[in-house]
ModelCIF file with pLDDT and N, C-alpha, C, O atoms, coordinates in Angstrom:
data_MODEL
#
_entry.id   MODEL 
#
_entity.id                         1 
_entity.type                       polymer 
_entity.pdbx_number_of_molecules   1 
#
_entity_poly.entity_id                      1 
_entity_poly.type                           'polypeptide(L)' 
_entity_poly.nstd_linkage                   no 
_entity_poly.nstd_monomer                   no 
_entity_poly.pdbx_seq_one_letter_code       
;(UNK)(UNK)(UNK)(UNK)(UNK)(UNK)(UNK)(UNK)(UNK)(UNK)(UNK)(UNK)(UNK)(UNK)(UNK)(UNK)
(UNK)(UNK)(UNK)(UNK)(UNK)(UNK)(UNK)(UNK)(UNK)(UNK)(UNK)(UNK)(UNK)(UNK)(UNK)(UNK)
(UNK)(UNK)(UNK)(UNK)(UNK)(UNK)(UNK)(UNK)(UNK)(UNK)(UNK)(UNK)(UNK)(UNK)(UNK)
;
_entity_poly.pdbx_seq_one_letter_code_can   XXXXXXXXXXXXXXXXXXXXXXXXXXXXXXXXXXXXXXXXXXXXXXX 
_entity_poly.pdbx_strand_id                 A 
#
loop_
_entity_poly_seq.entity_id 
_entity_poly_seq.num 
_entity_poly_seq.mon_id 
_entity_poly_seq.hetero 
1 1  UNK n 
1 2  UNK n 
1 3  UNK n 
1 4  UNK n 
1 5  UNK n 
1 6  UNK n 
1 7  UNK n 
1 8  UNK n 
1 9  UNK n 
1 10 UNK n 
1 11 UNK n 
1 12 UNK n 
1 13 UNK n 
1 14 UNK n 
1 15 UNK n 
1 16 UNK n 
1 17 UNK n 
1 18 UNK n 
1 19 UNK n 
1 20 UNK n 
1 21 UNK n 
1 22 UNK n 
1 23 UNK n 
1 24 UNK n 
1 25 UNK n 
1 26 UNK n 
1 27 UNK n 
1 28 UNK n 
1 29 UNK n 
1 30 UNK n 
1 31 UNK n 
1 32 UNK n 
1 33 UNK n 
1 34 UNK n 
1 35 UNK n 
1 36 UNK n 
1 37 UNK n 
1 38 UNK n 
1 39 UNK n 
1 40 UNK n 
1 41 UNK n 
1 42 UNK n 
1 43 UNK n 
1 44 UNK n 
1 45 UNK n 
1 46 UNK n 
1 47 UNK n 
#
_struct_asym.id          A 
_struct_asym.entity_id   1 
#
loop_
_ma_qa_metric.id 
_ma_qa_metric.mode 
_ma_qa_metric.name 
_ma_qa_metric.software_group_id 
_ma_qa_metric.type 
1 global pLDDT . pLDDT 
2 local  pLDDT . pLDDT 
#
_ma_qa_metric_global.metric_id      1 
_ma_qa_metric_global.metric_value   96.19 
_ma_qa_metric_global.model_id       1 
_ma_qa_metric_global.ordinal_id     1 
#
loop_
_ma_qa_metric_local.label_asym_id 
_ma_qa_metric_local.label_comp_id 
_ma_qa_metric_local.label_seq_id 
_ma_qa_metric_local.metric_id 
_ma_qa_metric_local.metric_value 
_ma_qa_metric_local.model_id 
_ma_qa_metric_local.ordinal_id 
A UNK 1  2 98.00 1 1  
A UNK 2  2 98.00 1 2  
A UNK 3  2 98.00 1 3  
A UNK 4  2 98.00 1 4  
A UNK 5  2 98.00 1 5  
A UNK 6  2 98.00 1 6  
A UNK 7  2 98.00 1 7  
A UNK 8  2 98.00 1 8  
A UNK 9  2 98.00 1 9  
A UNK 10 2 97.00 1 10 
A UNK 11 2 98.00 1 11 
A UNK 12 2 97.00 1 12 
A UNK 13 2 98.00 1 13 
A UNK 14 2 98.00 1 14 
A UNK 15 2 98.00 1 15 
A UNK 16 2 98.00 1 16 
A UNK 17 2 98.00 1 17 
A UNK 18 2 97.00 1 18 
A UNK 19 2 94.00 1 19 
A UNK 20 2 94.00 1 20 
A UNK 21 2 90.00 1 21 
A UNK 22 2 90.00 1 22 
A UNK 23 2 87.00 1 23 
A UNK 24 2 90.00 1 24 
A UNK 25 2 92.00 1 25 
A UNK 26 2 93.00 1 26 
A UNK 27 2 94.00 1 27 
A UNK 28 2 94.00 1 28 
A UNK 29 2 93.00 1 29 
A UNK 30 2 92.00 1 30 
A UNK 31 2 95.00 1 31 
A UNK 32 2 97.00 1 32 
A UNK 33 2 97.00 1 33 
A UNK 34 2 98.00 1 34 
A UNK 35 2 98.00 1 35 
A UNK 36 2 98.00 1 36 
A UNK 37 2 98.00 1 37 
A UNK 38 2 98.00 1 38 
A UNK 39 2 98.00 1 39 
A UNK 40 2 98.00 1 40 
A UNK 41 2 98.00 1 41 
A UNK 42 2 98.00 1 42 
A UNK 43 2 98.00 1 43 
A UNK 44 2 97.00 1 44 
A UNK 45 2 96.00 1 45 
A UNK 46 2 97.00 1 46 
A UNK 47 2 98.00 1 47 
#
loop_
_atom_site.group_PDB 
_atom_site.id 
_atom_site.type_symbol 
_atom_site.label_atom_id 
_atom_site.label_alt_id 
_atom_site.label_comp_id 
_atom_site.label_asym_id 
_atom_site.label_entity_id 
_atom_site.label_seq_id 
_atom_site.pdbx_PDB_ins_code 
_atom_site.Cartn_x 
_atom_site.Cartn_y 
_atom_site.Cartn_z 
_atom_site.occupancy 
_atom_site.B_iso_or_equiv 
_atom_site.pdbx_formal_charge 
_atom_site.auth_seq_id 
_atom_site.auth_comp_id 
_atom_site.auth_asym_id 
_atom_site.auth_atom_id 
_atom_site.pdbx_PDB_model_num 
ATOM 1   N N  . UNK A 1 1  ? -3.122  1.853  6.364   1.00 98.00 ? 1  UNK A N  1 
ATOM 2   C CA . UNK A 1 1  ? -2.441  1.892  4.984   1.00 98.00 ? 1  UNK A CA 1 
ATOM 3   C C  . UNK A 1 1  ? -3.698  1.546  3.995   1.00 98.00 ? 1  UNK A C  1 
ATOM 4   O O  . UNK A 1 1  ? -3.890  2.170  2.951   1.00 98.00 ? 1  UNK A O  1 
ATOM 5   N N  . UNK A 1 2  ? -4.477  0.544  4.422   1.00 98.00 ? 2  UNK A N  1 
ATOM 6   C CA . UNK A 1 2  ? -5.601  0.125  3.364   1.00 98.00 ? 2  UNK A CA 1 
ATOM 7   C C  . UNK A 1 2  ? -6.407  1.457  3.118   1.00 98.00 ? 2  UNK A C  1 
ATOM 8   O O  . UNK A 1 2  ? -6.587  1.974  2.015   1.00 98.00 ? 2  UNK A O  1 
ATOM 9   N N  . UNK A 1 3  ? -6.823  1.886  4.232   1.00 98.00 ? 3  UNK A N  1 
ATOM 10  C CA . UNK A 1 3  ? -7.759  3.133  4.060   1.00 98.00 ? 3  UNK A CA 1 
ATOM 11  C C  . UNK A 1 3  ? -6.964  4.357  3.316   1.00 98.00 ? 3  UNK A C  1 
ATOM 12  O O  . UNK A 1 3  ? -7.555  5.113  2.544   1.00 98.00 ? 3  UNK A O  1 
ATOM 13  N N  . UNK A 1 4  ? -5.855  4.456  3.556   1.00 98.00 ? 4  UNK A N  1 
ATOM 14  C CA . UNK A 1 4  ? -5.067  5.464  2.848   1.00 98.00 ? 4  UNK A CA 1 
ATOM 15  C C  . UNK A 1 4  ? -4.854  5.245  1.341   1.00 98.00 ? 4  UNK A C  1 
ATOM 16  O O  . UNK A 1 4  ? -4.695  6.173  0.548   1.00 98.00 ? 4  UNK A O  1 
ATOM 17  N N  . UNK A 1 5  ? -4.865  3.992  1.022   1.00 98.00 ? 5  UNK A N  1 
ATOM 18  C CA . UNK A 1 5  ? -4.523  3.668  -0.600  1.00 98.00 ? 5  UNK A CA 1 
ATOM 19  C C  . UNK A 1 5  ? -6.004  4.149  -1.124  1.00 98.00 ? 5  UNK A C  1 
ATOM 20  O O  . UNK A 1 5  ? -6.132  4.869  -2.114  1.00 98.00 ? 5  UNK A O  1 
ATOM 21  N N  . UNK A 1 6  ? -6.958  3.730  -0.446  1.00 98.00 ? 6  UNK A N  1 
ATOM 22  C CA . UNK A 1 6  ? -8.383  3.990  -1.052  1.00 98.00 ? 6  UNK A CA 1 
ATOM 23  C C  . UNK A 1 6  ? -8.631  5.594  -1.331  1.00 98.00 ? 6  UNK A C  1 
ATOM 24  O O  . UNK A 1 6  ? -9.192  6.063  -2.322  1.00 98.00 ? 6  UNK A O  1 
ATOM 25  N N  . UNK A 1 7  ? -8.088  6.310  -0.237  1.00 98.00 ? 7  UNK A N  1 
ATOM 26  C CA . UNK A 1 7  ? -8.288  7.664  -0.412  1.00 98.00 ? 7  UNK A CA 1 
ATOM 27  C C  . UNK A 1 7  ? -7.353  8.143  -1.438  1.00 98.00 ? 7  UNK A C  1 
ATOM 28  O O  . UNK A 1 7  ? -7.796  8.992  -2.212  1.00 98.00 ? 7  UNK A O  1 
ATOM 29  N N  . UNK A 1 8  ? -6.117  7.745  -1.586  1.00 98.00 ? 8  UNK A N  1 
ATOM 30  C CA . UNK A 1 8  ? -5.077  8.244  -2.399  1.00 98.00 ? 8  UNK A CA 1 
ATOM 31  C C  . UNK A 1 8  ? -5.776  7.859  -3.878  1.00 98.00 ? 8  UNK A C  1 
ATOM 32  O O  . UNK A 1 8  ? -5.538  8.639  -4.800  1.00 98.00 ? 8  UNK A O  1 
ATOM 33  N N  . UNK A 1 9  ? -6.510  6.854  -4.111  1.00 98.00 ? 9  UNK A N  1 
ATOM 34  C CA . UNK A 1 9  ? -7.075  6.661  -5.441  1.00 98.00 ? 9  UNK A CA 1 
ATOM 35  C C  . UNK A 1 9  ? -7.876  7.637  -5.800  1.00 98.00 ? 9  UNK A C  1 
ATOM 36  O O  . UNK A 1 9  ? -7.844  8.181  -6.904  1.00 98.00 ? 9  UNK A O  1 
ATOM 37  N N  . UNK A 1 10 ? -8.840  7.984  -4.646  1.00 97.00 ? 10 UNK A N  1 
ATOM 38  C CA . UNK A 1 10 ? -10.005 9.126  -4.953  1.00 97.00 ? 10 UNK A CA 1 
ATOM 39  C C  . UNK A 1 10 ? -9.319  10.419 -5.209  1.00 97.00 ? 10 UNK A C  1 
ATOM 40  O O  . UNK A 1 10 ? -9.645  11.160 -6.136  1.00 97.00 ? 10 UNK A O  1 
ATOM 41  N N  . UNK A 1 11 ? -8.235  10.709 -4.257  1.00 98.00 ? 11 UNK A N  1 
ATOM 42  C CA . UNK A 1 11 ? -7.746  12.148 -4.599  1.00 98.00 ? 11 UNK A CA 1 
ATOM 43  C C  . UNK A 1 11 ? -6.840  12.433 -5.836  1.00 98.00 ? 11 UNK A C  1 
ATOM 44  O O  . UNK A 1 11 ? -6.511  13.556 -6.220  1.00 98.00 ? 11 UNK A O  1 
ATOM 45  N N  . UNK A 1 12 ? -6.508  11.320 -6.364  1.00 97.00 ? 12 UNK A N  1 
ATOM 46  C CA . UNK A 1 12 ? -5.681  11.460 -7.727  1.00 97.00 ? 12 UNK A CA 1 
ATOM 47  C C  . UNK A 1 12 ? -4.150  11.155 -7.684  1.00 97.00 ? 12 UNK A C  1 
ATOM 48  O O  . UNK A 1 12 ? -3.423  11.395 -8.649  1.00 97.00 ? 12 UNK A O  1 
ATOM 49  N N  . UNK A 1 13 ? -3.716  10.635 -6.560  1.00 98.00 ? 13 UNK A N  1 
ATOM 50  C CA . UNK A 1 13 ? -2.330  10.141 -6.587  1.00 98.00 ? 13 UNK A CA 1 
ATOM 51  C C  . UNK A 1 13 ? -2.108  9.046  -7.586  1.00 98.00 ? 13 UNK A C  1 
ATOM 52  O O  . UNK A 1 13 ? -2.889  8.107  -7.733  1.00 98.00 ? 13 UNK A O  1 
ATOM 53  N N  . UNK A 1 14 ? -0.933  9.227  -8.304  1.00 98.00 ? 14 UNK A N  1 
ATOM 54  C CA . UNK A 1 14 ? -0.782  8.279  -9.326  1.00 98.00 ? 14 UNK A CA 1 
ATOM 55  C C  . UNK A 1 14 ? -0.357  6.874  -9.019  1.00 98.00 ? 14 UNK A C  1 
ATOM 56  O O  . UNK A 1 14 ? -0.813  5.898  -9.615  1.00 98.00 ? 14 UNK A O  1 
ATOM 57  N N  . UNK A 1 15 ? 0.610   6.812  -7.986  1.00 98.00 ? 15 UNK A N  1 
ATOM 58  C CA . UNK A 1 15 ? 1.049   5.403  -7.587  1.00 98.00 ? 15 UNK A CA 1 
ATOM 59  C C  . UNK A 1 15 ? 1.168   5.276  -6.154  1.00 98.00 ? 15 UNK A C  1 
ATOM 60  O O  . UNK A 1 15 ? 1.321   6.337  -5.548  1.00 98.00 ? 15 UNK A O  1 
ATOM 61  N N  . UNK A 1 16 ? 1.132   4.270  -5.518  1.00 98.00 ? 16 UNK A N  1 
ATOM 62  C CA . UNK A 1 16 ? 1.101   3.917  -4.184  1.00 98.00 ? 16 UNK A CA 1 
ATOM 63  C C  . UNK A 1 16 ? 2.272   2.869  -3.795  1.00 98.00 ? 16 UNK A C  1 
ATOM 64  O O  . UNK A 1 16 ? 2.078   1.683  -4.061  1.00 98.00 ? 16 UNK A O  1 
ATOM 65  N N  . UNK A 1 17 ? 3.273   3.197  -3.282  1.00 98.00 ? 17 UNK A N  1 
ATOM 66  C CA . UNK A 1 17 ? 4.420   2.059  -3.097  1.00 98.00 ? 17 UNK A CA 1 
ATOM 67  C C  . UNK A 1 17 ? 4.485   1.849  -1.739  1.00 98.00 ? 17 UNK A C  1 
ATOM 68  O O  . UNK A 1 17 ? 4.077   2.707  -0.956  1.00 98.00 ? 17 UNK A O  1 
ATOM 69  N N  . UNK A 1 18 ? 5.046   0.592  -1.300  1.00 97.00 ? 18 UNK A N  1 
ATOM 70  C CA . UNK A 1 18 ? 5.364   0.293  -0.025  1.00 97.00 ? 18 UNK A CA 1 
ATOM 71  C C  . UNK A 1 18 ? 6.685   -0.448 0.027   1.00 97.00 ? 18 UNK A C  1 
ATOM 72  O O  . UNK A 1 18 ? 7.027   -1.193 -0.892  1.00 97.00 ? 18 UNK A O  1 
ATOM 73  N N  . UNK A 1 19 ? 7.408   -0.245 1.082   1.00 94.00 ? 19 UNK A N  1 
ATOM 74  C CA . UNK A 1 19 ? 8.870   -0.517 1.000   1.00 94.00 ? 19 UNK A CA 1 
ATOM 75  C C  . UNK A 1 19 ? 9.119   -1.785 2.132   1.00 94.00 ? 19 UNK A C  1 
ATOM 76  O O  . UNK A 1 19 ? 8.481   -1.880 3.181   1.00 94.00 ? 19 UNK A O  1 
ATOM 77  N N  . UNK A 1 20 ? 10.049  -2.610 1.745   1.00 94.00 ? 20 UNK A N  1 
ATOM 78  C CA . UNK A 1 20 ? 10.556  -3.658 2.473   1.00 94.00 ? 20 UNK A CA 1 
ATOM 79  C C  . UNK A 1 20 ? 11.521  -3.225 3.688   1.00 94.00 ? 20 UNK A C  1 
ATOM 80  O O  . UNK A 1 20 ? 12.614  -2.712 3.448   1.00 94.00 ? 20 UNK A O  1 
ATOM 81  N N  . UNK A 1 21 ? 11.079  -3.448 4.981   1.00 90.00 ? 21 UNK A N  1 
ATOM 82  C CA . UNK A 1 21 ? 11.966  -3.187 6.046   1.00 90.00 ? 21 UNK A CA 1 
ATOM 83  C C  . UNK A 1 21 ? 11.918  -4.378 6.975   1.00 90.00 ? 21 UNK A C  1 
ATOM 84  O O  . UNK A 1 21 ? 10.916  -5.091 7.019   1.00 90.00 ? 21 UNK A O  1 
ATOM 85  N N  . UNK A 1 22 ? 12.954  -4.595 7.696   1.00 90.00 ? 22 UNK A N  1 
ATOM 86  C CA . UNK A 1 22 ? 12.835  -5.905 8.444   1.00 90.00 ? 22 UNK A CA 1 
ATOM 87  C C  . UNK A 1 22 ? 13.399  -5.342 9.817   1.00 90.00 ? 22 UNK A C  1 
ATOM 88  O O  . UNK A 1 22 ? 14.250  -4.453 9.797   1.00 90.00 ? 22 UNK A O  1 
ATOM 89  N N  . UNK A 1 23 ? 12.967  -5.817 10.895  1.00 87.00 ? 23 UNK A N  1 
ATOM 90  C CA . UNK A 1 23 ? 13.460  -5.647 12.377  1.00 87.00 ? 23 UNK A CA 1 
ATOM 91  C C  . UNK A 1 23 ? 13.219  -4.224 12.794  1.00 87.00 ? 23 UNK A C  1 
ATOM 92  O O  . UNK A 1 23 ? 13.970  -3.662 13.590  1.00 87.00 ? 23 UNK A O  1 
ATOM 93  N N  . UNK A 1 24 ? 12.053  -3.574 12.196  1.00 90.00 ? 24 UNK A N  1 
ATOM 94  C CA . UNK A 1 24 ? 11.769  -2.172 12.609  1.00 90.00 ? 24 UNK A CA 1 
ATOM 95  C C  . UNK A 1 24 ? 10.270  -2.148 13.135  1.00 90.00 ? 24 UNK A C  1 
ATOM 96  O O  . UNK A 1 24 ? 9.320   -2.156 12.353  1.00 90.00 ? 24 UNK A O  1 
ATOM 97  N N  . UNK A 1 25 ? 10.142  -2.122 14.353  1.00 92.00 ? 25 UNK A N  1 
ATOM 98  C CA . UNK A 1 25 ? 8.544   -2.211 14.993  1.00 92.00 ? 25 UNK A CA 1 
ATOM 99  C C  . UNK A 1 25 ? 7.873   -1.066 14.553  1.00 92.00 ? 25 UNK A C  1 
ATOM 100 O O  . UNK A 1 25 ? 6.645   -1.150 14.520  1.00 92.00 ? 25 UNK A O  1 
ATOM 101 N N  . UNK A 1 26 ? 8.482   0.162  14.147  1.00 93.00 ? 26 UNK A N  1 
ATOM 102 C CA . UNK A 1 26 ? 7.679   1.169  13.415  1.00 93.00 ? 26 UNK A CA 1 
ATOM 103 C C  . UNK A 1 26 ? 7.066   1.010  12.037  1.00 93.00 ? 26 UNK A C  1 
ATOM 104 O O  . UNK A 1 26 ? 6.230   1.775  11.557  1.00 93.00 ? 26 UNK A O  1 
ATOM 105 N N  . UNK A 1 27 ? 7.601   -0.124 11.423  1.00 94.00 ? 27 UNK A N  1 
ATOM 106 C CA . UNK A 1 27 ? 7.285   -0.312 10.159  1.00 94.00 ? 27 UNK A CA 1 
ATOM 107 C C  . UNK A 1 27 ? 6.672   -1.704 9.811   1.00 94.00 ? 27 UNK A C  1 
ATOM 108 O O  . UNK A 1 27 ? 7.326   -2.724 10.027  1.00 94.00 ? 27 UNK A O  1 
ATOM 109 N N  . UNK A 1 28 ? 5.533   -1.748 9.321   1.00 94.00 ? 28 UNK A N  1 
ATOM 110 C CA . UNK A 1 28 ? 4.765   -3.029 9.296   1.00 94.00 ? 28 UNK A CA 1 
ATOM 111 C C  . UNK A 1 28 ? 4.819   -3.629 7.941   1.00 94.00 ? 28 UNK A C  1 
ATOM 112 O O  . UNK A 1 28 ? 4.181   -4.664 7.745   1.00 94.00 ? 28 UNK A O  1 
ATOM 113 N N  . UNK A 1 29 ? 5.514   -3.089 6.980   1.00 93.00 ? 29 UNK A N  1 
ATOM 114 C CA . UNK A 1 29 ? 5.570   -3.509 5.401   1.00 93.00 ? 29 UNK A CA 1 
ATOM 115 C C  . UNK A 1 29 ? 6.817   -4.310 5.276   1.00 93.00 ? 29 UNK A C  1 
ATOM 116 O O  . UNK A 1 29 ? 7.784   -3.933 4.614   1.00 93.00 ? 29 UNK A O  1 
ATOM 117 N N  . UNK A 1 30 ? 6.756   -5.502 5.980   1.00 92.00 ? 30 UNK A N  1 
ATOM 118 C CA . UNK A 1 30 ? 8.111   -6.341 5.740   1.00 92.00 ? 30 UNK A CA 1 
ATOM 119 C C  . UNK A 1 30 ? 8.024   -7.066 4.542   1.00 92.00 ? 30 UNK A C  1 
ATOM 120 O O  . UNK A 1 30 ? 9.067   -7.466 4.026   1.00 92.00 ? 30 UNK A O  1 
ATOM 121 N N  . UNK A 1 31 ? 6.796   -7.325 3.955   1.00 95.00 ? 31 UNK A N  1 
ATOM 122 C CA . UNK A 1 31 ? 6.764   -8.095 2.930   1.00 95.00 ? 31 UNK A CA 1 
ATOM 123 C C  . UNK A 1 31 ? 5.927   -7.567 1.658   1.00 95.00 ? 31 UNK A C  1 
ATOM 124 O O  . UNK A 1 31 ? 4.797   -7.991 1.417   1.00 95.00 ? 31 UNK A O  1 
ATOM 125 N N  . UNK A 1 32 ? 6.531   -6.679 0.929   1.00 97.00 ? 32 UNK A N  1 
ATOM 126 C CA . UNK A 1 32 ? 5.701   -5.926 -0.063  1.00 97.00 ? 32 UNK A CA 1 
ATOM 127 C C  . UNK A 1 32 ? 4.827   -6.404 -0.938  1.00 97.00 ? 32 UNK A C  1 
ATOM 128 O O  . UNK A 1 32 ? 3.805   -5.770 -1.201  1.00 97.00 ? 32 UNK A O  1 
ATOM 129 N N  . UNK A 1 33 ? 5.130   -7.673 -1.548  1.00 97.00 ? 33 UNK A N  1 
ATOM 130 C CA . UNK A 1 33 ? 4.216   -8.443 -2.375  1.00 97.00 ? 33 UNK A CA 1 
ATOM 131 C C  . UNK A 1 33 ? 2.986   -8.757 -1.701  1.00 97.00 ? 33 UNK A C  1 
ATOM 132 O O  . UNK A 1 33 ? 1.953   -8.450 -2.296  1.00 97.00 ? 33 UNK A O  1 
ATOM 133 N N  . UNK A 1 34 ? 2.894   -9.308 -0.576  1.00 98.00 ? 34 UNK A N  1 
ATOM 134 C CA . UNK A 1 34 ? 1.750   -9.664 0.203   1.00 98.00 ? 34 UNK A CA 1 
ATOM 135 C C  . UNK A 1 34 ? 0.992   -8.403 0.581   1.00 98.00 ? 34 UNK A C  1 
ATOM 136 O O  . UNK A 1 34 ? -0.220  -8.542 0.740   1.00 98.00 ? 34 UNK A O  1 
ATOM 137 N N  . UNK A 1 35 ? 1.442   -7.362 0.727   1.00 98.00 ? 35 UNK A N  1 
ATOM 138 C CA . UNK A 1 35 ? 0.690   -6.099 1.091   1.00 98.00 ? 35 UNK A CA 1 
ATOM 139 C C  . UNK A 1 35 ? 0.069   -5.418 -0.196  1.00 98.00 ? 35 UNK A C  1 
ATOM 140 O O  . UNK A 1 35 ? -1.043  -4.893 -0.162  1.00 98.00 ? 35 UNK A O  1 
ATOM 141 N N  . UNK A 1 36 ? 0.883   -5.463 -1.371  1.00 98.00 ? 36 UNK A N  1 
ATOM 142 C CA . UNK A 1 36 ? 0.436   -5.139 -2.576  1.00 98.00 ? 36 UNK A CA 1 
ATOM 143 C C  . UNK A 1 36 ? -0.737  -5.873 -3.011  1.00 98.00 ? 36 UNK A C  1 
ATOM 144 O O  . UNK A 1 36 ? -1.734  -5.287 -3.433  1.00 98.00 ? 36 UNK A O  1 
ATOM 145 N N  . UNK A 1 37 ? -0.657  -7.078 -2.928  1.00 98.00 ? 37 UNK A N  1 
ATOM 146 C CA . UNK A 1 37 ? -1.748  -7.885 -3.236  1.00 98.00 ? 37 UNK A CA 1 
ATOM 147 C C  . UNK A 1 37 ? -3.199  -7.527 -2.454  1.00 98.00 ? 37 UNK A C  1 
ATOM 148 O O  . UNK A 1 37 ? -4.315  -7.530 -2.974  1.00 98.00 ? 37 UNK A O  1 
ATOM 149 N N  . UNK A 1 38 ? -2.915  -7.266 -1.275  1.00 98.00 ? 38 UNK A N  1 
ATOM 150 C CA . UNK A 1 38 ? -3.946  -7.026 -0.344  1.00 98.00 ? 38 UNK A CA 1 
ATOM 151 C C  . UNK A 1 38 ? -4.672  -5.565 -0.830  1.00 98.00 ? 38 UNK A C  1 
ATOM 152 O O  . UNK A 1 38 ? -5.884  -5.377 -0.941  1.00 98.00 ? 38 UNK A O  1 
ATOM 153 N N  . UNK A 1 39 ? -3.605  -4.606 -1.082  1.00 98.00 ? 39 UNK A N  1 
ATOM 154 C CA . UNK A 1 39 ? -4.065  -3.188 -1.473  1.00 98.00 ? 39 UNK A CA 1 
ATOM 155 C C  . UNK A 1 39 ? -4.729  -3.188 -2.863  1.00 98.00 ? 39 UNK A C  1 
ATOM 156 O O  . UNK A 1 39 ? -5.544  -2.315 -3.164  1.00 98.00 ? 39 UNK A O  1 
ATOM 157 N N  . UNK A 1 40 ? -4.387  -4.137 -3.673  1.00 98.00 ? 40 UNK A N  1 
ATOM 158 C CA . UNK A 1 40 ? -5.053  -4.320 -5.222  1.00 98.00 ? 40 UNK A CA 1 
ATOM 159 C C  . UNK A 1 40 ? -6.412  -4.775 -4.887  1.00 98.00 ? 40 UNK A C  1 
ATOM 160 O O  . UNK A 1 40 ? -7.315  -4.416 -5.644  1.00 98.00 ? 40 UNK A O  1 
ATOM 161 N N  . UNK A 1 41 ? -6.729  -5.586 -3.763  1.00 98.00 ? 41 UNK A N  1 
ATOM 162 C CA . UNK A 1 41 ? -8.215  -5.930 -3.653  1.00 98.00 ? 41 UNK A CA 1 
ATOM 163 C C  . UNK A 1 41 ? -8.907  -4.978 -3.271  1.00 98.00 ? 41 UNK A C  1 
ATOM 164 O O  . UNK A 1 41 ? -10.124 -5.132 -3.365  1.00 98.00 ? 41 UNK A O  1 
ATOM 165 N N  . UNK A 1 42 ? -8.465  -3.876 -2.798  1.00 98.00 ? 42 UNK A N  1 
ATOM 166 C CA . UNK A 1 42 ? -9.267  -2.720 -2.160  1.00 98.00 ? 42 UNK A CA 1 
ATOM 167 C C  . UNK A 1 42 ? -9.203  -1.380 -2.910  1.00 98.00 ? 42 UNK A C  1 
ATOM 168 O O  . UNK A 1 42 ? -9.745  -0.356 -2.494  1.00 98.00 ? 42 UNK A O  1 
ATOM 169 N N  . UNK A 1 43 ? -8.522  -1.465 -4.010  1.00 98.00 ? 43 UNK A N  1 
ATOM 170 C CA . UNK A 1 43 ? -8.502  -0.428 -4.977  1.00 98.00 ? 43 UNK A CA 1 
ATOM 171 C C  . UNK A 1 43 ? -8.798  -0.939 -6.381  1.00 98.00 ? 43 UNK A C  1 
ATOM 172 O O  . UNK A 1 43 ? -8.901  -2.144 -6.611  1.00 98.00 ? 43 UNK A O  1 
ATOM 173 N N  . UNK A 1 44 ? -8.943  0.077  -7.393  1.00 97.00 ? 44 UNK A N  1 
ATOM 174 C CA . UNK A 1 44 ? -9.179  -0.520 -8.635  1.00 97.00 ? 44 UNK A CA 1 
ATOM 175 C C  . UNK A 1 44 ? -8.316  0.263  -9.835  1.00 97.00 ? 44 UNK A C  1 
ATOM 176 O O  . UNK A 1 44 ? -8.091  -0.348 -10.880 1.00 97.00 ? 44 UNK A O  1 
ATOM 177 N N  . UNK A 1 45 ? -7.893  1.476  -9.675  1.00 96.00 ? 45 UNK A N  1 
ATOM 178 C CA . UNK A 1 45 ? -7.096  2.028  -10.759 1.00 96.00 ? 45 UNK A CA 1 
ATOM 179 C C  . UNK A 1 45 ? -5.649  2.544  -10.284 1.00 96.00 ? 45 UNK A C  1 
ATOM 180 O O  . UNK A 1 45 ? -4.782  2.814  -11.115 1.00 96.00 ? 45 UNK A O  1 
ATOM 181 N N  . UNK A 1 46 ? -5.453  2.657  -8.997  1.00 97.00 ? 46 UNK A N  1 
ATOM 182 C CA . UNK A 1 46 ? -4.327  3.133  -8.530  1.00 97.00 ? 46 UNK A CA 1 
ATOM 183 C C  . UNK A 1 46 ? -3.118  2.150  -8.638  1.00 97.00 ? 46 UNK A C  1 
ATOM 184 O O  . UNK A 1 46 ? -3.164  1.027  -8.136  1.00 97.00 ? 46 UNK A O  1 
ATOM 185 N N  . UNK A 1 47 ? -2.019  2.634  -9.327  1.00 98.00 ? 47 UNK A N  1 
ATOM 186 C CA . UNK A 1 47 ? -0.744  1.874  -9.440  1.00 98.00 ? 47 UNK A CA 1 
ATOM 187 C C  . UNK A 1 47 ? -0.044  1.449  -8.146  1.00 98.00 ? 47 UNK A C  1 
ATOM 188 O O  . UNK A 1 47 ? 1.013   0.819  -8.193  1.00 98.00 ? 47 UNK A O  1 
#
């Protein structure tokens, strides 16, 4: 996901959202605020 966010910024996507899900082994984004903070540190302009 982190690598994808960096590429999304380079490719010109406007925003990159992650979703809150629980109890789903196929989805790792259970806590969006934590993941957003991490992605923000690895991008510079992407919303």
